[in-house]
Amino acid sequence: MKRDYFIIIIIFLFLLSCAKQGFPPGGPVDRIPPKIVRTIPLPGATFVDPRTSVKVWFSEGVIPASAKDAVFITPYPGEGVKYKWRGKRLEIVFPRPLKKNCTYVITFGTGIKDYRNNGMESSFILAFSTGPVLDKGEISGRVYGIKDAKGIDIWAYQINDHTDPDPSTKEPDYIVQCEASGGFLFSHISSGLYRLFAVRDRAADRIYQPGEDEIGVAFRDVLLSRKSSLHSDNLYFKVMKEDTTLPGLVRVVPVDYNHLTLQFDKPLSSQQIFSPDSILIVSTVDTLDTLGVEQFYLDPINSKIAHVITYRQKKGEKYKLKVKTLFDEAGNSIDKNYSRAFFNGSEKADTTSPELVKIVPEPGTKSANLRGLVHLIFNEAMNQIKFPDGFFLKSDSGKLLSGSFQWKNPAEVLFLSRKKLKSSSTYTVEIFGKNVMDLAGNPVADTSFQFRTLNKDTLSEISGTLFDRDSNAVGQIFVTAMQIKNPGLLYTQILPAPGRYQFTNVLPGSYTIEAFRDRDGNGKYSFGKPFPYKPSERFVVLEDTVKVKPRWPNEGNDLILP
C-alpha cells in the first residue's frame, strides 16, 4: 500500500515539473496574420462552370463577420450571396449562375482577421473566367499620408457612357483594399475607362457617405486598352474628409465706434481676398444710409473671427450687416441664410493700447533662422505708415539692420533684413510705442527682446531635380522638406517650372520630401472633388527618407510628377 502511494507521488511530481516548462500560461502572443492557402477554382482558371461555388481555405480560423465585410466580388453577382463556414473553409454560394465568358475577380481584403485580431497582410485576389480568356488589365498605386492604410478601399468605376459616377449613390465595379503601406493593385480587370477613389468605408456598405467617410480623388482617369496598354501604375492618392457644411455668420460685436468683430461658426480660408466690398452695412431705419467700410481682414490667430474697420458709427443706430462673398477652408461659400446680422452703433472710442500677441522668433530663442525674418502679430489693426519709424533690429555690436516691411493684413507684419544674419550671434529687436500705434493713435508698450541665431556649422543642404511627365502641365511647383521628428519644421521652395530645387541652411535630421503642382494657383494642395468630379492635383513623395548630417549636402533626391 505504501509503495502505491510512493509511486503516485513520484508521478505527480514528474507531471508538475513538466507543467512548469515552456511558455507562460496562455502561450506566446499570436502575431501571425491569416492567409489563404488553397482555393477552388484555382487562381487564373478558365472554363469555370457558371454554376460553381467558390471554396477558400485559410491558414487558421478567422472571424466570419470580418471576412464577410472584406470580400468583394466583381462583377457584382447580385443580392443573396451566401457565406458558409466549415472550420477554416469558407464557401461562397452565388444566388444564380455566373455570366458566361466573363472574368470574375474576388478580393479578400486586409479586413479579414483571426481570433487574435491579426489582419491579413495584403489583399488576396482570386481571378477566374467562365470562358476561355482571363482579363489582364492592371492598375496599381498607393495612398499616402496614413500610417496604416489597411482600412482604406480603392474603388474603380468603369465609365462606359462618359457619365461621371457618383460614389455616394453608386457601388463601384471593382474594389481592392490597401496594404498597410498604402500600396494597392487591381488585376484581371477588363479593358475600358476607369475612375478611381480611395475610400475609408466606415459602414462597409460600398456607398460613400460625405462628411463621414474619408475619400481620396485620383488626379486622372485610367484607360486600359489592348491598343495602348493594359497596365497603369503610379496612381497616387491623399485622403480627406469632405467638408460640405457652409460657413455662417454667428454674430457681430461692436468693439468701438470704428471697429467690429465678426464671429463665424467655422474657420475661414486665409487664401481669399478680404475686400471691404465684401461687406455691406446699412441702417435699418434708412436703407440708403450706408456705413462705409475701410478695412476688412481675417484675425491672424483665430480664423473664425474677422475684423471690420468702419467709418464712425452713429450712437444707438441699428445696423444690418451683410456678408456678400466669403469662403471656408474647404472652399464652401457662406450660407446665404446665415450671412446677415444686426448690431447697434457704438459710442465708445478706442482708448486701449494694442498688444503684441505673437512674435517669431520667440524672445530668448537660440536657434533663429539666418534669413533675418521677424514676424509680429498684434491684436488689432495698426498704423502702417508710422510703423517703420518705431521698429529696429540691431546686431550684438549695436549696428542697425536695414530691411523691408510686408503687411500680411492690418494686424500682421513681416520684417526682412536686407542681409542675412550672422551665425551664432545675438540680435535685439526694439519697438517704441511713440511710432508703433493703432489706428486711433494708442501706442503699444515699449518692447525690447533678444534672440540668438543658430550655428551654421550644424547646417547642411538638400537638393535634387524635379521632373514632370506631363509636358503640357501648368502651375507653380511646391517642393517641401519636412523633418520627421518635428513635423512643424518645414522648408518649402516654389519652382516656376520643372528643374533643380535646393534647400539651404537645413537643420540635421531625417526628412520626407514631396512636391505638388498647383494647377488652380491657390497656393495649397487641392484634394479634388468626387462629385461633381474635379481631379486632385498631382503630387509625388520621395520613397526614401533623406538623412541630413552637418556640413554634408544630401544631393540627387530626384522627384518625378506622375
Protein backbone atom coordinates (compact mmCIF):
# COMPACT_ATOMS: atom_id res chain seq x y z
CA MET A 1 0.00 0.00 0.00
CA LYS A 2 2.82 2.41 0.97
CA ARG A 3 4.59 1.50 -2.26
CA ASP A 4 1.49 2.51 -4.32
CA TYR A 5 1.32 5.90 -2.55
CA PHE A 6 5.01 6.44 -3.24
CA ILE A 7 4.57 5.72 -6.96
CA ILE A 8 1.60 8.13 -7.17
CA ILE A 9 3.61 10.92 -5.51
CA ILE A 10 6.53 10.38 -7.93
CA ILE A 11 4.19 10.57 -10.93
CA PHE A 12 2.56 13.77 -9.56
CA LEU A 13 5.92 15.48 -9.06
CA PHE A 14 7.01 14.47 -12.56
CA LEU A 15 3.85 15.93 -14.14
CA LEU A 16 4.22 19.12 -12.10
CA SER A 17 7.78 19.63 -13.33
CA CYS A 18 6.65 19.12 -16.91
CA ALA A 19 3.87 21.68 -16.47
CA LYS A 20 6.39 24.33 -15.45
CA GLN A 21 8.36 24.05 -18.69
CA GLY A 22 7.72 26.02 -21.89
CA PHE A 23 5.85 29.33 -22.31
CA PRO A 24 3.89 31.05 -19.52
CA PRO A 25 0.14 30.27 -19.27
CA GLY A 26 -1.62 31.26 -22.47
CA GLY A 27 1.46 30.68 -24.65
CA PRO A 28 3.26 33.23 -26.84
CA VAL A 29 1.27 36.12 -28.29
CA ASP A 30 -0.02 35.21 -31.74
CA ARG A 31 1.01 37.93 -34.17
CA ILE A 32 0.95 35.77 -37.32
CA PRO A 33 -1.65 37.09 -39.77
CA PRO A 34 -4.02 34.68 -41.50
CA LYS A 35 -3.53 33.87 -45.16
CA ILE A 36 -5.30 31.95 -47.89
CA VAL A 37 -3.63 28.60 -48.62
CA ARG A 38 -5.97 27.00 -51.15
CA THR A 39 -8.87 27.89 -53.45
CA ILE A 40 -11.37 26.20 -55.74
CA PRO A 41 -11.36 27.21 -58.53
CA LEU A 42 -7.62 27.82 -58.78
CA PRO A 43 -6.38 31.40 -59.43
CA GLY A 44 -6.34 32.03 -63.17
CA ALA A 45 -8.65 29.14 -64.01
CA THR A 46 -10.68 29.29 -67.24
CA PHE A 47 -13.82 27.49 -68.42
CA VAL A 48 -15.15 27.53 -64.87
CA ASP A 49 -18.70 26.18 -64.60
CA PRO A 50 -21.08 29.16 -64.15
CA ARG A 51 -22.98 27.10 -61.56
CA THR A 52 -19.90 26.73 -59.37
CA SER A 53 -19.39 27.95 -55.85
CA VAL A 54 -16.07 29.26 -54.57
CA LYS A 55 -14.22 27.49 -51.76
CA VAL A 56 -11.37 29.12 -49.84
CA TRP A 57 -9.18 27.62 -47.13
CA PHE A 58 -7.42 29.86 -44.57
CA SER A 59 -4.26 29.03 -42.66
CA GLU A 60 -6.19 29.44 -39.41
CA GLY A 61 -9.65 30.23 -38.15
CA VAL A 62 -10.88 33.73 -38.95
CA ILE A 63 -13.75 35.83 -37.64
CA PRO A 64 -16.66 35.18 -40.05
CA ALA A 65 -18.08 38.70 -39.72
CA SER A 66 -14.73 40.27 -40.62
CA ALA A 67 -14.45 38.10 -43.72
CA LYS A 68 -17.95 38.87 -44.94
CA ASP A 69 -17.31 42.62 -44.81
CA ALA A 70 -13.94 42.29 -46.57
CA VAL A 71 -14.89 40.07 -49.52
CA PHE A 72 -15.53 41.95 -52.77
CA ILE A 73 -16.91 40.22 -55.86
CA THR A 74 -16.84 41.82 -59.29
CA PRO A 75 -18.81 41.92 -61.43
CA TYR A 76 -21.43 42.15 -58.67
CA PRO A 77 -23.44 38.88 -58.71
CA GLY A 78 -26.49 40.49 -57.10
CA GLU A 79 -28.16 40.23 -53.71
CA GLY A 80 -28.33 36.91 -51.92
CA VAL A 81 -24.69 35.77 -51.87
CA LYS A 82 -24.27 33.24 -49.05
CA TYR A 83 -21.15 32.65 -46.96
CA LYS A 84 -20.95 29.15 -45.48
CA TRP A 85 -18.28 28.19 -42.95
CA ARG A 86 -16.85 24.85 -42.04
CA GLY A 87 -13.82 25.23 -39.81
CA LYS A 88 -11.11 27.11 -41.74
CA ARG A 89 -13.00 26.76 -45.04
CA LEU A 90 -15.28 29.42 -46.49
CA GLU A 91 -17.71 28.57 -49.28
CA ILE A 92 -19.23 31.41 -51.30
CA VAL A 93 -22.53 30.44 -52.91
CA PHE A 94 -23.91 32.70 -55.62
CA PRO A 95 -27.66 33.43 -55.90
CA ARG A 96 -27.76 32.49 -59.60
CA PRO A 97 -25.39 31.10 -62.25
CA LEU A 98 -22.49 33.38 -63.19
CA LYS A 99 -22.31 35.12 -66.55
CA LYS A 100 -20.84 33.15 -69.41
CA ASN A 101 -17.47 34.18 -70.91
CA CYS A 102 -16.82 36.59 -68.07
CA THR A 103 -13.81 37.19 -65.80
CA TYR A 104 -14.70 37.30 -62.11
CA VAL A 105 -12.43 38.82 -59.50
CA ILE A 106 -12.94 38.07 -55.81
CA THR A 107 -10.82 40.20 -53.50
CA PHE A 108 -10.25 39.04 -49.94
CA GLY A 109 -9.28 42.24 -48.15
CA THR A 110 -6.99 43.06 -45.27
CA GLY A 111 -10.04 43.48 -43.05
CA ILE A 112 -10.17 39.68 -42.62
CA LYS A 113 -8.90 38.95 -39.10
CA ASP A 114 -8.12 35.90 -37.00
CA TYR A 115 -9.34 35.49 -33.44
CA ARG A 116 -6.27 37.37 -32.14
CA ASN A 117 -7.35 40.37 -34.24
CA ASN A 118 -4.47 39.95 -36.71
CA GLY A 119 -5.49 41.18 -40.17
CA MET A 120 -4.26 39.75 -43.46
CA GLU A 121 -1.03 41.45 -44.55
CA SER A 122 -2.30 42.14 -48.04
CA SER A 123 -5.35 41.56 -50.18
CA PHE A 124 -5.68 38.18 -51.89
CA ILE A 125 -7.11 38.28 -55.39
CA LEU A 126 -8.80 35.25 -56.87
CA ALA A 127 -9.49 35.68 -60.58
CA PHE A 128 -11.13 33.09 -62.81
CA SER A 129 -13.10 33.07 -66.04
CA THR A 130 -16.25 31.27 -67.10
CA GLY A 131 -14.90 31.46 -70.64
CA PRO A 132 -11.61 30.76 -72.43
CA VAL A 133 -9.95 34.14 -71.73
CA LEU A 134 -8.91 35.84 -68.49
CA ASP A 135 -8.87 39.66 -68.49
CA LYS A 136 -5.37 41.01 -67.89
CA GLY A 137 -5.88 44.69 -67.03
CA GLU A 138 -3.92 46.03 -64.05
CA ILE A 139 -3.99 49.29 -62.09
CA SER A 140 -1.60 49.95 -59.24
CA GLY A 141 -0.69 52.86 -56.99
CA ARG A 142 -0.50 53.99 -53.42
CA VAL A 143 -2.29 56.01 -50.75
CA TYR A 144 -0.01 58.43 -48.88
CA GLY A 145 -0.23 60.17 -45.54
CA ILE A 146 -1.68 57.29 -43.48
CA LYS A 147 0.45 55.18 -41.15
CA ASP A 148 -1.72 52.08 -41.52
CA ALA A 149 -3.81 52.09 -44.70
CA LYS A 150 -5.40 48.67 -44.20
CA GLY A 151 -8.77 50.29 -43.62
CA ILE A 152 -8.72 52.10 -46.98
CA ASP A 153 -10.54 50.67 -50.04
CA ILE A 154 -9.81 51.61 -53.64
CA TRP A 155 -12.98 51.82 -55.71
CA ALA A 156 -12.90 51.64 -59.50
CA TYR A 157 -15.84 52.68 -61.68
CA GLN A 158 -15.97 51.79 -65.36
CA ILE A 159 -17.10 54.82 -67.37
CA ASN A 160 -18.99 53.39 -70.33
CA ASP A 161 -21.09 56.38 -71.32
CA HIS A 162 -18.71 59.12 -70.09
CA THR A 163 -21.13 59.94 -67.26
CA ASP A 164 -19.48 60.92 -64.00
CA PRO A 165 -20.08 58.15 -61.44
CA ASP A 166 -21.28 59.40 -58.04
CA PRO A 167 -19.72 57.23 -55.29
CA SER A 168 -22.36 58.46 -52.82
CA THR A 169 -25.14 56.76 -54.82
CA LYS A 170 -23.48 54.01 -56.87
CA GLU A 171 -21.49 50.94 -55.83
CA PRO A 172 -18.09 50.52 -57.53
CA ASP A 173 -17.45 47.96 -60.27
CA TYR A 174 -14.17 46.81 -58.70
CA ILE A 175 -12.86 47.05 -55.13
CA VAL A 176 -9.48 46.25 -53.64
CA GLN A 177 -8.09 47.03 -50.19
CA CYS A 178 -4.77 48.72 -49.47
CA GLU A 179 -1.82 47.12 -47.77
CA ALA A 180 -0.63 48.70 -44.52
CA SER A 181 1.94 50.72 -46.52
CA GLY A 182 -0.80 52.11 -48.76
CA GLY A 183 0.02 50.08 -51.87
CA PHE A 184 -2.80 48.56 -53.94
CA LEU A 185 -3.21 46.50 -57.10
CA PHE A 186 -6.17 45.74 -59.33
CA SER A 187 -5.55 42.74 -61.53
CA HIS A 188 -7.57 40.86 -64.13
CA ILE A 189 -9.93 43.72 -64.91
CA SER A 190 -11.40 44.33 -68.33
CA SER A 191 -10.42 46.98 -70.85
CA GLY A 192 -12.10 50.34 -70.52
CA LEU A 193 -12.00 53.81 -68.97
CA TYR A 194 -11.94 53.87 -65.16
CA ARG A 195 -12.31 56.47 -62.43
CA LEU A 196 -10.81 55.59 -59.05
CA PHE A 197 -11.35 56.76 -55.48
CA ALA A 198 -9.68 55.84 -52.19
CA VAL A 199 -12.37 55.47 -49.51
CA ARG A 200 -12.46 54.61 -45.81
CA ASP A 201 -15.87 52.94 -45.98
CA ARG A 202 -16.82 53.05 -42.31
CA ALA A 203 -20.26 51.49 -42.82
CA ALA A 204 -18.84 48.82 -45.17
CA ASP A 205 -21.83 49.37 -47.47
CA ARG A 206 -19.81 50.33 -50.57
CA ILE A 207 -21.54 53.71 -50.67
CA TYR A 208 -19.57 56.86 -49.89
CA GLN A 209 -21.00 58.97 -47.07
CA PRO A 210 -19.86 62.64 -47.42
CA GLY A 211 -18.78 64.09 -44.10
CA GLU A 212 -18.49 60.61 -42.55
CA ASP A 213 -16.11 58.67 -44.80
CA GLU A 214 -12.68 59.88 -45.85
CA ILE A 215 -12.10 59.96 -49.58
CA GLY A 216 -9.23 60.49 -52.00
CA VAL A 217 -9.79 61.59 -55.60
CA ALA A 218 -7.42 60.46 -58.32
CA PHE A 219 -5.61 63.09 -60.38
CA ARG A 220 -6.63 61.37 -63.64
CA ASP A 221 -8.82 58.66 -65.09
CA VAL A 222 -7.26 55.41 -66.29
CA LEU A 223 -7.69 53.96 -69.77
CA LEU A 224 -6.89 50.27 -70.22
CA SER A 225 -6.70 49.26 -73.86
CA ARG A 226 -5.05 46.50 -75.85
CA LYS A 227 -4.03 49.13 -78.40
CA SER A 228 -2.19 51.26 -75.84
CA SER A 229 -1.63 49.45 -72.54
CA LEU A 230 -3.43 47.13 -70.17
CA HIS A 231 -1.26 48.30 -67.29
CA SER A 232 -1.37 51.59 -65.38
CA ASP A 233 0.76 52.46 -62.37
CA ASN A 234 1.77 55.45 -60.24
CA LEU A 235 -1.79 56.37 -59.34
CA TYR A 236 -1.39 58.27 -56.07
CA PHE A 237 -3.99 59.35 -53.52
CA LYS A 238 -4.27 61.58 -50.48
CA VAL A 239 -7.47 61.17 -48.49
CA MET A 240 -9.51 63.80 -46.68
CA LYS A 241 -12.90 64.13 -45.02
CA GLU A 242 -15.03 66.15 -47.40
CA ASP A 243 -16.47 69.25 -45.76
CA THR A 244 -19.81 70.22 -47.25
CA THR A 245 -21.08 72.41 -44.40
CA LEU A 246 -21.49 76.06 -45.36
CA PRO A 247 -19.97 78.67 -43.05
CA GLY A 248 -22.36 81.02 -41.29
CA LEU A 249 -22.14 84.36 -39.53
CA VAL A 250 -22.91 83.90 -35.82
CA ARG A 251 -22.88 87.48 -34.55
CA VAL A 252 -21.40 90.97 -34.88
CA VAL A 253 -19.81 92.69 -31.89
CA PRO A 254 -19.06 96.45 -31.97
CA VAL A 255 -15.72 96.84 -30.17
CA ASP A 256 -15.79 100.62 -30.54
CA TYR A 257 -17.31 103.14 -32.93
CA ASN A 258 -14.79 102.23 -35.67
CA HIS A 259 -14.27 98.51 -35.08
CA LEU A 260 -16.48 95.43 -35.45
CA THR A 261 -15.62 91.77 -34.89
CA LEU A 262 -17.48 89.16 -36.95
CA GLN A 263 -17.75 85.69 -35.44
CA PHE A 264 -18.34 82.68 -37.73
CA ASP A 265 -19.22 79.08 -36.90
CA LYS A 266 -16.18 77.58 -38.66
CA PRO A 267 -12.69 78.66 -39.79
CA LEU A 268 -12.46 80.83 -42.90
CA SER A 269 -9.88 80.48 -45.64
CA SER A 270 -6.90 82.77 -45.33
CA GLN A 271 -6.21 82.33 -49.06
CA GLN A 272 -9.13 84.51 -50.17
CA ILE A 273 -9.08 88.27 -50.57
CA PHE A 274 -10.84 90.12 -47.75
CA SER A 275 -12.12 93.16 -49.58
CA PRO A 276 -14.16 95.99 -47.99
CA ASP A 277 -16.57 95.45 -50.89
CA SER A 278 -17.45 92.06 -49.38
CA ILE A 279 -19.26 93.79 -46.51
CA LEU A 280 -22.44 95.87 -46.77
CA ILE A 281 -23.69 97.78 -43.71
CA VAL A 282 -26.96 99.76 -43.87
CA SER A 283 -29.19 101.49 -41.35
CA THR A 284 -32.42 99.62 -40.61
CA VAL A 285 -34.21 102.97 -40.47
CA ASP A 286 -32.99 104.22 -43.84
CA THR A 287 -31.59 101.53 -46.17
CA LEU A 288 -29.98 104.23 -48.31
CA ASP A 289 -27.89 105.27 -45.31
CA THR A 290 -24.82 103.01 -45.56
CA LEU A 291 -21.92 102.75 -43.15
CA GLY A 292 -18.62 102.82 -45.02
CA VAL A 293 -16.05 100.05 -44.58
CA GLU A 294 -12.36 100.99 -44.64
CA GLN A 295 -10.73 97.62 -43.91
CA PHE A 296 -11.81 94.01 -43.63
CA TYR A 297 -9.38 91.27 -42.58
CA LEU A 298 -9.17 87.81 -41.03
CA ASP A 299 -7.87 87.53 -37.49
CA PRO A 300 -4.30 86.14 -37.73
CA ILE A 301 -4.74 83.95 -34.63
CA ASN A 302 -8.36 82.79 -34.78
CA SER A 303 -9.69 82.20 -38.30
CA LYS A 304 -13.29 82.04 -37.05
CA ILE A 305 -13.08 85.79 -36.44
CA ALA A 306 -12.85 88.65 -38.94
CA HIS A 307 -12.39 92.35 -38.24
CA VAL A 308 -14.13 95.28 -39.91
CA ILE A 309 -12.83 98.84 -39.65
CA THR A 310 -15.73 101.19 -40.35
CA TYR A 311 -16.37 104.88 -40.61
CA ARG A 312 -17.68 106.32 -37.37
CA GLN A 313 -20.91 104.63 -36.32
CA LYS A 314 -23.93 106.61 -35.13
CA LYS A 315 -24.64 106.19 -31.46
CA GLY A 316 -27.58 103.80 -30.91
CA GLU A 317 -28.27 103.42 -34.62
CA LYS A 318 -29.45 99.91 -35.51
CA TYR A 319 -27.47 98.50 -38.44
CA LYS A 320 -27.80 95.41 -40.61
CA LEU A 321 -24.54 93.86 -41.79
CA LYS A 322 -24.45 91.51 -44.77
CA VAL A 323 -21.51 89.38 -45.93
CA LYS A 324 -21.56 89.10 -49.71
CA THR A 325 -18.73 86.68 -50.57
CA LEU A 326 -16.69 84.58 -48.16
CA PHE A 327 -15.34 81.03 -48.16
CA ASP A 328 -14.25 78.47 -45.58
CA GLU A 329 -11.09 76.36 -45.78
CA ALA A 330 -12.88 73.73 -47.90
CA GLY A 331 -14.00 76.31 -50.46
CA ASN A 332 -17.64 76.40 -49.35
CA SER A 333 -19.22 79.84 -49.81
CA ILE A 334 -21.08 81.46 -46.95
CA ASP A 335 -24.58 80.21 -46.23
CA LYS A 336 -26.96 82.89 -47.58
CA ASN A 337 -29.39 82.13 -44.77
CA TYR A 338 -26.71 82.98 -42.21
CA SER A 339 -24.91 85.87 -43.87
CA ARG A 340 -26.68 88.72 -42.04
CA ALA A 341 -26.60 90.08 -38.50
CA PHE A 342 -27.75 93.19 -36.65
CA PHE A 343 -25.89 95.44 -34.22
CA ASN A 344 -26.30 98.80 -32.53
CA GLY A 345 -23.82 101.56 -33.30
CA SER A 346 -21.26 102.08 -30.53
CA GLU A 347 -20.44 105.38 -28.88
CA LYS A 348 -17.25 104.00 -27.36
CA ALA A 349 -13.93 105.42 -28.54
CA ASP A 350 -10.84 103.22 -28.85
CA THR A 351 -8.63 104.15 -25.88
CA THR A 352 -6.96 100.77 -25.35
CA SER A 353 -3.33 100.25 -26.31
CA PRO A 354 -2.62 97.48 -28.83
CA GLU A 355 -0.82 94.32 -27.71
CA LEU A 356 1.73 92.04 -29.32
CA VAL A 357 0.17 88.55 -29.31
CA LYS A 358 2.81 86.62 -31.25
CA ILE A 359 6.50 87.11 -32.04
CA VAL A 360 8.73 84.97 -34.29
CA PRO A 361 11.49 84.26 -33.49
CA GLU A 362 10.32 83.96 -29.90
CA PRO A 363 12.23 86.11 -27.40
CA GLY A 364 15.15 84.17 -25.99
CA THR A 365 15.31 81.57 -28.75
CA LYS A 366 18.80 80.26 -29.55
CA SER A 367 18.13 78.79 -32.99
CA ALA A 368 16.74 81.64 -35.10
CA ASN A 369 16.99 81.31 -38.86
CA LEU A 370 19.70 83.28 -40.66
CA ARG A 371 17.23 84.86 -43.09
CA GLY A 372 16.67 87.81 -40.76
CA LEU A 373 12.90 87.48 -40.69
CA VAL A 374 10.90 88.93 -37.78
CA HIS A 375 7.17 88.20 -37.67
CA LEU A 376 4.88 90.30 -35.46
CA ILE A 377 1.13 89.88 -34.83
CA PHE A 378 -0.94 92.47 -32.94
CA ASN A 379 -4.44 92.16 -31.53
CA GLU A 380 -5.80 94.99 -33.70
CA ALA A 381 -5.14 96.97 -36.86
CA MET A 382 -2.02 99.15 -36.74
CA ASN A 383 -0.88 102.42 -38.30
CA GLN A 384 1.27 101.10 -41.14
CA ILE A 385 2.71 104.47 -42.17
CA LYS A 386 4.47 105.30 -38.89
CA PHE A 387 5.41 101.72 -38.01
CA PRO A 388 8.86 101.66 -39.74
CA ASP A 389 9.95 104.60 -37.56
CA GLY A 390 9.35 102.60 -34.38
CA PHE A 391 10.83 99.18 -35.24
CA PHE A 392 14.56 98.39 -35.03
CA LEU A 393 16.65 95.24 -35.45
CA LYS A 394 20.19 95.57 -34.08
CA SER A 395 23.27 93.34 -34.14
CA ASP A 396 25.24 92.49 -30.97
CA SER A 397 27.52 95.45 -31.77
CA GLY A 398 24.53 97.81 -31.82
CA LYS A 399 24.53 98.25 -35.60
CA LEU A 400 21.09 98.93 -37.07
CA LEU A 401 20.00 96.49 -39.78
CA SER A 402 18.01 97.84 -42.71
CA GLY A 403 15.22 95.87 -44.32
CA SER A 404 11.73 95.88 -45.78
CA PHE A 405 8.26 95.57 -44.26
CA GLN A 406 5.43 93.45 -45.61
CA TRP A 407 1.94 93.70 -44.12
CA LYS A 408 0.06 90.42 -44.48
CA ASN A 409 -3.02 92.15 -43.03
CA PRO A 410 -3.56 95.31 -40.92
CA ALA A 411 -2.53 93.48 -37.73
CA GLU A 412 0.33 91.29 -39.03
CA VAL A 413 3.69 92.45 -40.34
CA LEU A 414 6.90 90.83 -41.56
CA PHE A 415 10.30 92.49 -41.40
CA LEU A 416 13.00 91.01 -43.65
CA SER A 417 16.61 92.12 -43.25
CA ARG A 418 18.39 93.04 -46.46
CA LYS A 419 21.39 90.97 -45.40
CA LYS A 420 21.46 87.52 -43.86
CA LEU A 421 22.19 87.34 -40.16
CA LYS A 422 25.47 86.09 -38.79
CA SER A 423 25.79 82.60 -37.38
CA SER A 424 25.75 82.12 -33.57
CA SER A 425 25.11 85.82 -32.95
CA THR A 426 22.79 87.78 -30.67
CA TYR A 427 20.30 90.27 -32.11
CA THR A 428 17.97 92.75 -30.43
CA VAL A 429 14.50 93.86 -31.51
CA GLU A 430 13.30 97.21 -30.20
CA ILE A 431 9.76 98.55 -30.60
CA PHE A 432 8.93 102.09 -29.49
CA GLY A 433 5.28 102.98 -28.91
CA LYS A 434 5.93 106.57 -29.93
CA ASN A 435 5.56 105.48 -33.55
CA VAL A 436 4.06 101.98 -33.25
CA MET A 437 0.38 102.62 -32.61
CA ASP A 438 -3.09 101.50 -33.61
CA LEU A 439 -5.39 103.41 -35.95
CA ALA A 440 -6.74 105.50 -33.07
CA GLY A 441 -3.23 106.61 -32.08
CA ASN A 442 -2.91 104.40 -28.98
CA PRO A 443 0.77 103.44 -28.59
CA VAL A 444 1.97 99.90 -27.95
CA ALA A 445 4.08 99.36 -24.84
CA ASP A 446 7.81 99.85 -25.47
CA THR A 447 9.25 96.40 -26.11
CA SER A 448 12.78 95.03 -26.32
CA PHE A 449 13.86 91.40 -26.66
CA GLN A 450 16.80 89.35 -27.90
CA PHE A 451 17.26 86.14 -29.87
CA ARG A 452 20.30 84.19 -30.99
CA THR A 453 20.88 82.70 -34.42
CA LEU A 454 21.74 79.06 -34.95
CA ASN A 455 25.23 77.75 -35.65
CA LYS A 456 25.64 77.45 -39.43
CA ASP A 457 28.29 74.76 -38.95
CA THR A 458 25.49 72.43 -37.89
CA LEU A 459 23.55 73.07 -41.11
CA SER A 460 23.50 71.29 -44.43
CA GLU A 461 21.64 71.15 -47.76
CA ILE A 462 19.10 69.01 -49.60
CA SER A 463 18.90 69.15 -53.36
CA GLY A 464 17.61 67.32 -56.40
CA THR A 465 15.79 67.73 -59.68
CA LEU A 466 12.06 67.67 -60.24
CA PHE A 467 10.73 66.21 -63.48
CA ASP A 468 7.19 66.26 -64.86
CA ARG A 469 5.86 63.55 -67.17
CA ASP A 470 3.17 65.96 -68.41
CA SER A 471 4.91 68.42 -70.71
CA ASN A 472 1.70 70.44 -71.09
CA ALA A 473 1.12 70.94 -67.36
CA VAL A 474 0.82 74.43 -65.88
CA GLY A 475 1.18 75.89 -62.42
CA GLN A 476 3.94 76.50 -59.93
CA ILE A 477 5.51 73.51 -58.20
CA PHE A 478 5.73 73.44 -54.41
CA VAL A 479 8.55 71.28 -53.03
CA THR A 480 8.59 70.67 -49.27
CA ALA A 481 11.05 69.00 -46.90
CA MET A 482 9.56 68.05 -43.52
CA GLN A 483 11.57 66.83 -40.54
CA ILE A 484 10.05 63.53 -39.38
CA LYS A 485 10.60 64.04 -35.63
CA ASN A 486 9.43 67.65 -35.80
CA PRO A 487 6.67 67.98 -38.44
CA GLY A 488 6.42 71.69 -37.70
CA LEU A 489 9.90 72.19 -39.16
CA LEU A 490 9.29 72.73 -42.87
CA TYR A 491 11.37 74.01 -45.75
CA THR A 492 9.45 74.98 -48.88
CA GLN A 493 10.66 76.07 -52.30
CA ILE A 494 8.42 77.22 -55.16
CA LEU A 495 9.59 76.35 -58.67
CA PRO A 496 8.10 78.16 -61.69
CA ALA A 497 8.71 75.04 -63.80
CA PRO A 498 10.36 71.60 -63.51
CA GLY A 499 14.04 71.79 -62.68
CA ARG A 500 16.51 71.81 -59.85
CA TYR A 501 15.47 72.51 -56.25
CA GLN A 502 17.74 73.22 -53.30
CA PHE A 503 17.12 73.73 -49.59
CA THR A 504 19.95 75.54 -47.83
CA ASN A 505 20.66 76.01 -44.12
CA VAL A 506 18.82 72.81 -43.22
CA LEU A 507 19.00 71.51 -39.67
CA PRO A 508 20.27 67.91 -39.21
CA GLY A 509 17.69 65.13 -39.04
CA SER A 510 15.61 62.80 -41.18
CA TYR A 511 13.27 64.36 -43.74
CA THR A 512 10.48 63.43 -46.12
CA ILE A 513 10.40 65.23 -49.47
CA GLU A 514 7.27 65.77 -51.52
CA ALA A 515 6.00 68.09 -54.23
CA PHE A 516 2.75 69.05 -55.93
CA ARG A 517 1.86 71.11 -58.98
CA ASP A 518 -0.50 73.96 -58.11
CA ARG A 519 -2.87 73.71 -61.07
CA ASP A 520 -5.52 76.07 -59.67
CA GLY A 521 -2.99 78.61 -58.35
CA ASN A 522 -4.38 78.83 -54.81
CA GLY A 523 -1.03 78.15 -53.15
CA LYS A 524 -2.06 74.89 -51.47
CA TYR A 525 -2.67 71.26 -52.40
CA SER A 526 -6.18 70.68 -53.76
CA PHE A 527 -7.77 67.29 -53.00
CA GLY A 528 -10.31 67.49 -55.82
CA LYS A 529 -14.00 66.61 -55.56
CA PRO A 530 -15.68 63.21 -56.09
CA PHE A 531 -18.94 64.60 -57.49
CA PRO A 532 -19.31 66.79 -59.46
CA TYR A 533 -15.93 65.42 -60.44
CA LYS A 534 -12.84 67.55 -60.07
CA PRO A 535 -9.47 65.76 -60.22
CA SER A 536 -6.96 66.29 -57.45
CA GLU A 537 -3.66 68.00 -58.09
CA ARG A 538 -0.71 65.82 -58.99
CA PHE A 539 1.83 65.12 -56.30
CA VAL A 540 4.84 62.93 -55.67
CA VAL A 541 6.53 61.70 -52.49
CA LEU A 542 10.18 60.64 -52.40
CA GLU A 543 10.18 56.99 -51.38
CA ASP A 544 13.41 57.17 -49.39
CA THR A 545 13.90 59.13 -46.18
CA VAL A 546 16.54 61.84 -46.57
CA LYS A 547 19.07 61.87 -43.75
CA VAL A 548 20.82 65.20 -43.24
CA LYS A 549 24.17 65.46 -41.46
CA PRO A 550 26.01 68.69 -40.53
CA ARG A 551 28.05 70.16 -43.41
CA TRP A 552 27.24 67.13 -45.56
CA PRO A 553 24.96 68.11 -48.51
CA ASN A 554 22.45 65.43 -49.49
CA GLU A 555 22.15 65.54 -53.28
CA GLY A 556 20.38 63.63 -56.03
CA ASN A 557 16.93 63.48 -54.42
CA ASP A 558 15.07 63.48 -57.71
CA LEU A 559 11.28 63.62 -57.95
CA ILE A 560 9.04 62.71 -60.90
CA LEU A 561 5.48 64.04 -61.03
CA PRO A 562 3.20 61.29 -62.41
